[in-house]
Protein backbone atom coordinates (compact mmCIF):
# COMPACT_ATOMS: atom_id res chain seq x y z
CA MET A 1 -16.14 5.24 -9.38
CA ALA A 2 -14.39 2.51 -7.33
CA LEU A 3 -12.15 2.22 -4.37
CA ALA A 4 -9.20 0.15 -3.43
CA THR A 5 -7.70 0.25 0.05
CA LEU A 6 -4.25 -1.16 0.25
CA ALA A 7 -1.44 -1.09 3.04
CA GLY A 8 2.24 -1.54 2.03
CA GLY A 9 4.29 0.29 4.60
CA CYS A 10 4.80 3.94 4.65
CA PHE A 11 2.00 5.55 3.00
CA TRP A 12 4.30 8.27 1.68
CA CYS A 13 5.67 5.41 -0.53
CA MET A 14 2.26 4.06 -1.91
CA VAL A 15 0.87 7.05 -3.54
CA LYS A 16 3.40 8.09 -6.19
CA PRO A 17 3.24 4.74 -8.06
CA PHE A 18 -0.23 5.04 -8.59
CA HIS A 19 -0.48 8.71 -9.70
CA GLN A 20 1.10 8.02 -13.16
CA PHE A 21 -1.86 5.72 -14.44
CA ASP A 22 -4.73 6.61 -16.51
CA GLY A 23 -7.96 5.93 -14.46
CA ILE A 24 -6.62 7.09 -10.87
CA ILE A 25 -8.85 9.57 -9.82
CA SER A 26 -7.38 10.12 -6.32
CA VAL A 27 -4.73 8.67 -3.88
CA ILE A 28 -5.24 9.58 0.03
CA SER A 29 -2.85 8.51 2.47
CA GLY A 30 -4.61 7.39 5.96
CA TYR A 31 -5.34 4.85 8.51
CA SER A 32 -7.30 1.80 7.88
CA GLY A 33 -8.49 -1.48 9.71
CA GLY A 34 -8.26 -0.17 13.43
CA HIS A 35 -10.62 0.07 16.18
CA VAL A 36 -10.02 3.88 17.17
CA ASP A 37 -12.10 6.51 15.58
CA ASN A 38 -10.37 9.55 13.76
CA PRO A 39 -6.88 8.18 14.88
CA THR A 40 -4.05 10.62 14.38
CA TYR A 41 -0.44 9.86 13.03
CA GLU A 42 0.83 9.96 16.61
CA ALA A 43 -1.76 7.51 17.80
CA VAL A 44 -1.25 4.95 14.94
CA CYS A 45 2.53 4.99 15.38
CA THR A 46 2.09 3.53 18.96
CA ASN A 47 0.68 0.32 17.41
CA THR A 48 -2.16 0.31 19.77
CA THR A 49 -4.87 1.37 17.45
CA GLY A 50 -4.99 -1.67 15.20
CA HIS A 51 -4.68 0.47 12.22
CA ARG A 52 -2.09 0.29 9.36
CA GLU A 53 -0.85 3.21 7.33
CA ALA A 54 -2.85 2.64 3.96
CA VAL A 55 -3.89 4.32 0.92
CA GLN A 56 -7.31 4.64 -0.48
CA ILE A 57 -7.07 4.74 -4.25
CA SER A 58 -10.44 5.97 -6.32
CA TYR A 59 -10.35 4.81 -9.65
CA ASP A 60 -12.53 4.56 -12.78
CA GLU A 61 -13.18 0.84 -13.54
CA ASN A 62 -13.92 1.58 -17.08
CA ILE A 63 -10.08 2.55 -17.64
CA ILE A 64 -8.32 0.71 -15.02
CA SER A 65 -9.17 -2.69 -13.11
CA TYR A 66 -8.77 -3.84 -9.75
CA GLN A 67 -6.40 -6.47 -10.90
CA GLU A 68 -4.25 -3.83 -12.73
CA ILE A 69 -4.55 -1.89 -9.32
CA LEU A 70 -3.20 -5.14 -7.39
CA ASP A 71 -0.34 -5.40 -10.15
CA ILE A 72 1.03 -2.14 -9.30
CA TYR A 73 0.29 -2.62 -5.61
CA PHE A 74 2.63 -5.76 -5.56
CA LYS A 75 5.41 -3.75 -7.15
CA THR A 76 5.68 -1.31 -4.42
CA PHE A 77 6.77 -3.16 -1.26
CA ASP A 78 7.77 -6.54 0.09
CA PRO A 79 4.48 -8.73 0.30
CA THR A 80 6.56 -11.58 2.30
CA ASP A 81 7.24 -9.33 5.29
CA ASN A 82 4.25 -9.13 7.72
CA GLU A 83 6.42 -7.61 10.56
CA GLY A 84 6.62 -4.25 8.91
CA GLN A 85 8.32 -2.75 5.45
CA PHE A 86 11.99 -2.10 5.39
CA PHE A 87 13.32 -0.11 8.31
CA ASP A 88 9.78 0.67 9.27
CA ARG A 89 8.69 -2.02 11.71
CA GLY A 90 5.35 -2.54 13.85
CA GLU A 91 1.77 -3.44 13.24
CA SER A 92 1.11 0.32 11.36
CA TYR A 93 3.63 -0.73 8.76
CA THR A 94 2.56 -4.01 8.04
CA PRO A 95 0.87 -4.79 4.49
CA ALA A 96 -2.75 -5.63 3.79
CA ILE A 97 -5.57 -5.77 1.18
CA PHE A 98 -8.45 -4.42 2.48
CA THR A 99 -11.50 -5.94 0.39
CA HIS A 100 -14.81 -3.82 -0.24
CA ASN A 101 -16.42 -6.91 -2.03
CA ASP A 102 -16.34 -10.44 -2.71
CA GLU A 103 -15.06 -9.62 -6.28
CA GLN A 104 -12.34 -7.84 -4.93
CA LYS A 105 -11.22 -10.72 -2.42
CA GLN A 106 -11.58 -13.28 -5.31
CA ILE A 107 -9.42 -11.14 -7.49
CA ALA A 108 -6.56 -10.72 -4.67
CA GLU A 109 -6.39 -14.22 -3.84
CA THR A 110 -5.96 -14.98 -7.74
CA VAL A 111 -3.13 -12.30 -7.87
CA ILE A 112 -1.58 -13.74 -4.86
CA GLN A 113 -1.52 -17.18 -6.30
CA LYS A 114 -0.17 -16.18 -9.37
CA LEU A 115 2.77 -14.38 -7.54
CA ASN A 116 3.34 -17.42 -5.62
CA ASP A 117 3.37 -19.64 -8.64
CA ALA A 118 5.78 -17.60 -10.39
CA LYS A 119 8.12 -17.71 -7.50
CA ILE A 120 9.40 -14.06 -7.71
CA PHE A 121 10.19 -13.52 -4.11
CA LYS A 122 12.37 -15.90 -1.84
CA LYS A 123 9.38 -16.33 0.34
CA PRO A 124 5.57 -16.80 -0.38
CA VAL A 125 3.38 -13.70 -0.32
CA SER A 126 1.79 -13.45 2.92
CA THR A 127 0.04 -10.22 2.69
CA PRO A 128 -3.47 -10.70 4.30
CA ILE A 129 -6.74 -9.93 2.52
CA ILE A 130 -8.84 -8.52 5.29
CA THR A 131 -12.43 -7.34 4.66
CA TYR A 132 -12.51 -3.47 4.68
CA LYS A 133 -14.12 -1.74 7.83
CA ASN A 134 -12.81 1.94 7.70
CA PHE A 135 -10.25 4.51 6.43
CA TYR A 136 -9.17 7.73 7.77
CA PRO A 137 -7.43 10.22 5.89
CA ALA A 138 -4.21 11.27 7.15
CA GLU A 139 -3.23 14.69 8.22
CA ALA A 140 -2.70 16.83 5.38
CA TYR A 141 0.96 17.28 5.72
CA HIS A 142 1.19 13.49 4.79
CA GLN A 143 -0.85 14.03 1.57
CA ASP A 144 1.16 13.71 -1.66
CA TYR A 145 4.29 13.91 0.42
CA TYR A 146 6.67 13.07 -2.61
CA LYS A 147 5.46 16.36 -4.19
CA LYS A 148 5.80 18.33 -1.32
CA ALA A 149 9.31 17.18 -0.03
CA PRO A 150 10.79 15.28 -3.02
CA ALA A 151 14.38 15.21 -1.59
CA HIS A 152 13.25 13.76 1.45
CA TYR A 153 10.98 11.20 0.04
CA ALA A 154 13.75 10.21 -2.32
CA ALA A 155 16.13 9.71 0.82
CA TYR A 156 13.50 7.86 2.59
CA SER A 157 12.72 5.47 -0.56
CA GLU A 158 16.59 4.81 -1.13
CA GLY A 159 17.64 4.93 2.50
CA SER A 160 14.79 2.47 3.65
CA GLY A 161 15.84 -0.11 1.15
CA ARG A 162 12.68 0.16 -0.49
CA LYS A 163 13.78 1.37 -3.93
CA GLY A 164 16.56 -1.43 -3.94
CA PHE A 165 14.15 -4.15 -3.02
CA ILE A 166 11.54 -3.31 -5.84
CA LYS A 167 14.60 -2.73 -8.46
CA SER A 168 16.01 -6.13 -7.68
CA HIS A 169 12.50 -7.88 -8.24
CA TRP A 170 11.13 -5.80 -10.80
CA GLY A 171 13.70 -3.75 -12.47
CA GLU A 172 13.74 -0.07 -12.66
CA GLN A 173 10.61 1.42 -11.40
CA ASP A 174 9.67 5.05 -10.64
CA ALA A 175 9.26 4.59 -6.95
């Protein structure tokens, strides 16, 4: 089992895209990268803890690779916006790839370079690659939110602009 820790704005929208792939063992919503131990959602939203909303993905490397994880990841948010995502603004909603080792860092750099070379986005990918230091699972009510409140989740994805952005860059996706 391997781990990938990724931030791409609201963690609610970062779970569903991964659940549909073979080799994904779990996708946990949480907080990563900050300087406060065991932060709460309310604390992270103040943008004073240094944490980003993120997901931690456990996966079987024999079935799905880290590069495939990143290929999915980059189709879930706007990797050119480092001030938040869609109508969620501030540090806690900024994207990041938290690498667990040098191999993940190298793969992330390569994937970003390929995206920039392909000019898929109007601006270059600016998602930072950060060495992993921590991850704290979010409160239970945030886990698998798209299953618990599908109507609210769908309205949020559409209303925030996330779904439209994804469709305009990648075609029809199950966001």
